[in-house]
Protein backbone atom coordinates (compact mmCIF):
# COMPACT_ATOMS: atom_id res chain seq x y z
CA UNK A 1 8.91 31.41 32.57
CA UNK A 2 10.85 33.86 31.16
CA UNK A 3 14.72 34.54 30.67
CA UNK A 4 15.40 36.83 32.93
CA UNK A 5 12.90 35.55 35.33
CA UNK A 6 14.75 32.63 35.62
CA UNK A 7 18.28 33.86 35.62
CA UNK A 8 17.03 35.93 38.93
CA UNK A 9 16.28 32.55 40.69
CA UNK A 10 19.01 31.19 39.91
CA UNK A 11 21.95 33.69 41.02
CA UNK A 12 19.37 34.28 44.17
CA UNK A 13 19.41 30.41 45.08
CA UNK A 14 23.09 29.75 44.26
CA UNK A 15 23.83 32.96 46.19
CA UNK A 16 22.71 31.78 48.73
CA UNK A 17 24.63 28.00 48.75
CA UNK A 18 27.93 30.10 48.89
CA UNK A 19 26.69 31.96 51.91
CA UNK A 20 24.78 29.15 53.67
CA UNK A 21 27.08 26.51 52.17
CA UNK A 22 24.21 23.73 51.69
CA UNK A 23 23.69 21.72 48.39
CA UNK A 24 20.38 22.74 46.50
CA UNK A 25 20.76 19.27 44.41
CA UNK A 26 20.40 16.05 46.89
CA UNK A 27 19.60 15.67 50.06
CA UNK A 28 22.94 12.97 50.67
CA UNK A 29 26.04 14.06 52.97
CA UNK A 30 28.68 15.96 50.51
CA UNK A 31 31.24 13.48 50.59
CA UNK A 32 28.94 10.80 49.73
CA UNK A 33 27.31 12.51 46.98
CA UNK A 34 30.67 13.47 45.74
CA UNK A 35 31.99 10.08 45.71
CA UNK A 36 28.71 8.54 43.73
CA UNK A 37 29.02 11.10 41.28
CA UNK A 38 32.42 10.13 39.98
CA UNK A 39 35.11 11.95 42.63
CA UNK A 40 38.32 10.10 44.69
CA UNK A 41 39.05 10.65 47.84
CA UNK A 42 42.35 12.17 46.82
CA UNK A 43 40.76 14.53 44.39
CA UNK A 44 38.33 15.72 47.21
CA UNK A 45 41.06 16.43 49.60
CA UNK A 46 42.91 17.91 46.75
CA UNK A 47 41.12 21.38 46.53
CA UNK A 48 40.73 24.00 48.75
CA UNK A 49 37.88 24.19 51.58
CA UNK A 50 34.68 25.69 50.37
CA UNK A 51 35.21 24.60 46.74
CA UNK A 52 33.24 21.99 46.60
CA UNK A 53 29.47 22.74 47.76
CA UNK A 54 27.84 19.31 45.81
CA UNK A 55 26.30 21.09 42.64
CA UNK A 56 27.67 18.43 40.15
CA UNK A 57 25.71 15.49 38.71
CA UNK A 58 28.89 13.72 37.55
CA UNK A 59 32.66 14.66 37.13
CA UNK A 60 33.67 16.19 33.94
CA UNK A 61 37.26 16.61 34.74
CA UNK A 62 37.60 12.75 34.48
CA UNK A 63 36.42 12.30 31.11
CA UNK A 64 37.90 15.72 29.34
CA UNK A 65 41.09 13.91 29.10
CA UNK A 66 42.37 16.75 30.25
CA UNK A 67 46.75 17.13 29.12
CA UNK A 68 49.64 19.56 30.22
CA UNK A 69 49.85 22.64 28.61
CA UNK A 70 46.39 22.97 27.60
CA UNK A 71 43.87 25.94 27.81
CA UNK A 72 40.25 24.75 29.92
CA UNK A 73 37.17 26.80 30.18
CA UNK A 74 34.41 25.84 32.54
CA UNK A 75 30.92 26.83 32.34
CA UNK A 76 29.16 27.81 35.16
CA UNK A 77 31.85 27.04 37.18
CA UNK A 78 30.29 27.90 41.12
CA UNK A 79 33.06 27.74 43.69
CA UNK A 80 36.05 26.16 41.18
CA UNK A 81 36.01 22.81 42.33
CA UNK A 82 36.26 21.46 38.69
CA UNK A 83 38.38 24.17 37.76
CA UNK A 84 41.14 23.34 40.75
CA UNK A 85 40.90 19.56 39.70
CA UNK A 86 41.61 20.62 35.91
CA UNK A 87 44.76 22.91 36.94
CA UNK A 88 46.33 19.97 38.64
CA UNK A 89 45.76 18.00 35.18
CA UNK A 90 47.07 21.00 32.68
CA UNK A 91 49.85 22.00 35.14
CA UNK A 92 51.52 25.66 35.52
CA UNK A 93 51.93 25.28 31.30
CA UNK A 94 48.06 25.35 31.54
CA UNK A 95 45.29 27.64 31.84
CA UNK A 96 42.04 27.63 33.27
CA UNK A 97 39.03 30.22 33.18
CA UNK A 98 35.87 29.62 34.95
CA UNK A 99 32.74 31.64 33.98
CA UNK A 100 30.16 31.92 36.95
CA UNK A 101 27.28 34.45 36.60
CA UNK A 102 26.59 34.94 39.95
CA UNK A 103 28.55 37.43 41.96
CA UNK A 104 28.63 35.17 45.22
CA UNK A 105 30.14 32.34 43.24
CA UNK A 106 32.74 34.41 41.89
CA UNK A 107 33.87 36.00 44.99
CA UNK A 108 34.30 32.58 46.80
CA UNK A 109 36.25 30.77 43.97
CA UNK A 110 38.91 33.29 43.69
CA UNK A 111 38.77 33.29 47.39
CA UNK A 112 39.48 29.63 47.18
CA UNK A 113 42.29 30.21 44.41
CA UNK A 114 44.25 32.80 46.78
CA UNK A 115 43.87 30.37 49.44
CA UNK A 116 45.00 27.35 47.54
CA UNK A 117 47.92 29.12 45.85
CA UNK A 118 46.85 28.29 41.88
CA UNK A 119 48.51 30.85 40.09
CA UNK A 120 47.10 29.10 36.61
CA UNK A 121 43.07 29.21 37.17
CA UNK A 122 40.85 32.83 36.93
CA UNK A 123 37.02 33.29 37.26
CA UNK A 124 35.34 35.88 35.18
CA UNK A 125 31.73 36.96 35.93
CA UNK A 126 29.73 36.54 32.95
CA UNK A 127 26.47 34.44 31.51
CA UNK A 128 27.48 31.01 29.79
CA UNK A 129 25.14 32.52 26.77
CA UNK A 130 27.28 35.01 25.89
CA UNK A 131 30.82 33.90 27.08
CA UNK A 132 33.42 36.68 28.04
CA UNK A 133 35.77 34.94 25.96
CA UNK A 134 37.48 34.96 22.71
CA UNK A 135 36.80 33.18 19.33
CA UNK A 136 39.18 29.76 19.36
CA UNK A 137 40.92 30.12 22.51
CA UNK A 138 39.91 27.04 24.34
CA UNK A 139 41.44 23.46 24.01
CA UNK A 140 38.99 22.38 26.71
CA UNK A 141 34.98 23.24 27.47
CA UNK A 142 33.73 21.42 30.55
CA UNK A 143 30.64 21.98 32.69
CA UNK A 144 28.78 20.27 35.45
CA UNK A 145 25.34 20.35 36.26
CA UNK A 146 24.58 23.65 34.61
CA UNK A 147 23.35 23.82 31.26
CA UNK A 148 20.39 22.68 32.14
CA UNK A 149 20.16 26.32 34.04
CA UNK A 150 19.94 28.07 30.88
CA UNK A 151 16.96 29.22 28.99
CA UNK A 152 18.73 28.72 25.74
CA UNK A 153 20.76 25.71 25.78
CA UNK A 154 21.58 26.15 21.82
CA UNK A 155 23.16 29.23 22.82
CA UNK A 156 25.17 28.34 25.35
CA UNK A 157 26.38 24.82 22.74
CA UNK A 158 27.15 27.16 19.88
CA UNK A 159 29.36 29.71 22.43
CA UNK A 160 31.21 26.51 23.47
CA UNK A 161 32.28 25.94 19.90
CA UNK A 162 32.53 29.31 19.31
CA UNK A 163 35.69 29.67 22.24
CA UNK A 164 37.17 26.27 21.07
CA UNK A 165 39.65 26.29 18.54
CA UNK A 166 39.66 23.83 16.05
CA UNK A 167 39.54 20.41 16.76
CA UNK A 168 38.84 21.29 20.57
CA UNK A 169 36.51 19.34 22.70
CA UNK A 170 33.24 19.53 24.89
CA UNK A 171 33.08 17.47 28.13
CA UNK A 172 29.93 17.87 29.78
CA UNK A 173 28.33 16.55 32.83
CA UNK A 174 24.74 17.15 33.07
CA UNK A 175 21.36 16.03 34.19
CA UNK A 176 18.71 15.26 31.02
CA UNK A 177 14.96 13.50 30.74
CA UNK A 178 14.40 10.23 29.48
CA UNK A 179 10.50 11.40 28.90
CA UNK A 180 8.99 14.98 29.23
CA UNK A 181 7.93 16.15 32.83
CA UNK A 182 4.93 17.07 33.72
CA UNK A 183 4.16 20.78 33.33
CA UNK A 184 3.56 21.56 36.90
CA UNK A 185 7.00 20.74 37.43
CA UNK A 186 8.05 21.91 34.23
CA UNK A 187 6.94 25.32 35.10
CA UNK A 188 8.21 25.32 38.78
CA UNK A 189 10.69 27.89 39.65
CA UNK A 190 11.93 25.99 42.44
CA UNK A 191 12.39 22.77 40.43
CA UNK A 192 14.03 24.68 37.74
CA UNK A 193 17.00 25.89 40.02
CA UNK A 194 17.05 22.73 41.57
CA UNK A 195 18.37 21.16 38.35
CA UNK A 196 14.74 19.62 37.28
CA UNK A 197 12.56 21.66 35.51
CA UNK A 198 15.16 23.07 33.25
CA UNK A 199 16.00 19.85 31.90
CA UNK A 200 15.16 18.18 28.34
CA UNK A 201 14.98 15.28 26.77
CA UNK A 202 18.22 13.35 26.03
CA UNK A 203 17.44 13.10 22.84
CA UNK A 204 17.38 16.74 22.05
CA UNK A 205 19.94 17.41 23.97
CA UNK A 206 22.54 15.23 21.55
CA UNK A 207 20.66 17.21 18.69
CA UNK A 208 21.21 20.58 20.00
CA UNK A 209 25.15 19.50 20.58
CA UNK A 210 25.28 18.32 16.85
CA UNK A 211 23.39 21.09 15.66
CA UNK A 212 26.00 23.66 17.10
CA UNK A 213 28.69 22.39 14.78
CA UNK A 214 30.08 19.37 16.91
CA UNK A 215 31.50 16.02 15.52
CA UNK A 216 32.07 12.70 16.79
CA UNK A 217 29.71 12.90 19.64
CA UNK A 218 29.47 10.69 22.38
CA UNK A 219 27.28 10.23 25.07
CA UNK A 220 26.80 7.80 28.28
CA UNK A 221 24.09 8.25 30.98
CA UNK A 222 23.16 6.79 34.91
CA UNK A 223 19.79 6.07 35.74
CA UNK A 224 18.07 6.63 38.89
CA UNK A 225 18.96 2.91 39.73
CA UNK A 226 22.68 3.79 39.14
CA UNK A 227 22.55 6.33 41.35
CA UNK A 228 21.33 4.64 44.08
CA UNK A 229 23.55 1.69 43.33
CA UNK A 230 26.36 4.70 43.43
CA UNK A 231 25.23 5.44 46.88
CA UNK A 232 22.73 8.46 46.37
CA UNK A 233 19.08 7.44 47.41
CA UNK A 234 16.00 9.15 46.53
CA UNK A 235 14.71 9.85 50.20
CA UNK A 236 12.31 12.23 49.75
CA UNK A 237 8.60 12.10 47.85
CA UNK A 238 9.56 14.58 45.25
CA UNK A 239 12.96 12.65 44.50
CA UNK A 240 11.21 9.50 44.16
CA UNK A 241 8.65 10.78 42.02
CA UNK A 242 11.40 12.52 39.85
CA UNK A 243 13.52 8.93 39.61
CA UNK A 244 11.79 7.52 35.98
CA UNK A 245 12.58 10.77 34.74
CA UNK A 246 16.08 11.91 35.39
CA UNK A 247 19.43 10.85 33.82
CA UNK A 248 22.49 12.26 34.94
CA UNK A 249 24.15 12.44 31.44
CA UNK A 250 27.80 12.40 29.95
CA UNK A 251 28.35 14.03 26.72
CA UNK A 252 31.29 14.72 24.55
CA UNK A 253 32.06 15.89 21.12
CA UNK A 254 34.73 17.47 18.84
CA UNK A 255 35.03 20.93 16.82
């Protein structure tokens, strides 16, 4: 699949998610899925209505070790869920920038920020392969189940490295593979926009992070069995078939 074909499909899919208020990534009830992904009831209740669309595969804010006054960038910020949680951590002296390439997501996230009275959060329309952010500006870069949607993941990671200050860190939640997907899934555009088809091998993901320049790279992952124990169950035949391939991974690293 060509890069522009992928981007067009992703924009279309996630634009519909905003308009229809449905998750493309799982059949579990929204609150149950979010709690299984590492969010607390307090976090879920603290953000504006419509911010959590249930699109994540983890909680990157939980591993980002955010401190007051920091500047944070969210790659693929969606309706702003993780941005609003991060804003609460960095306080009024800090700043959050969310970047998303889907216009409907940017419109929704800006409405959510206004409705929630967030003054330290802004959202920019742009591609994570070409971030609308200057060099050496960010303390932390977070991302939640988005890099798998990018056709050039190496460039995304290089961009994250570019915008970070020296000593800045990434805190990524994403999907990765334990073994290669069958070709019919890998080449299926619906599987790609559903966060599966574009996922890469866990070992290749770690290598890409290191190749981008990051040091002290660490990772942890949850298998399908771990997710079932957390409350996410494979219900469709497709979800059950993919369980042996896909893991939810956290990756951290330092510039």
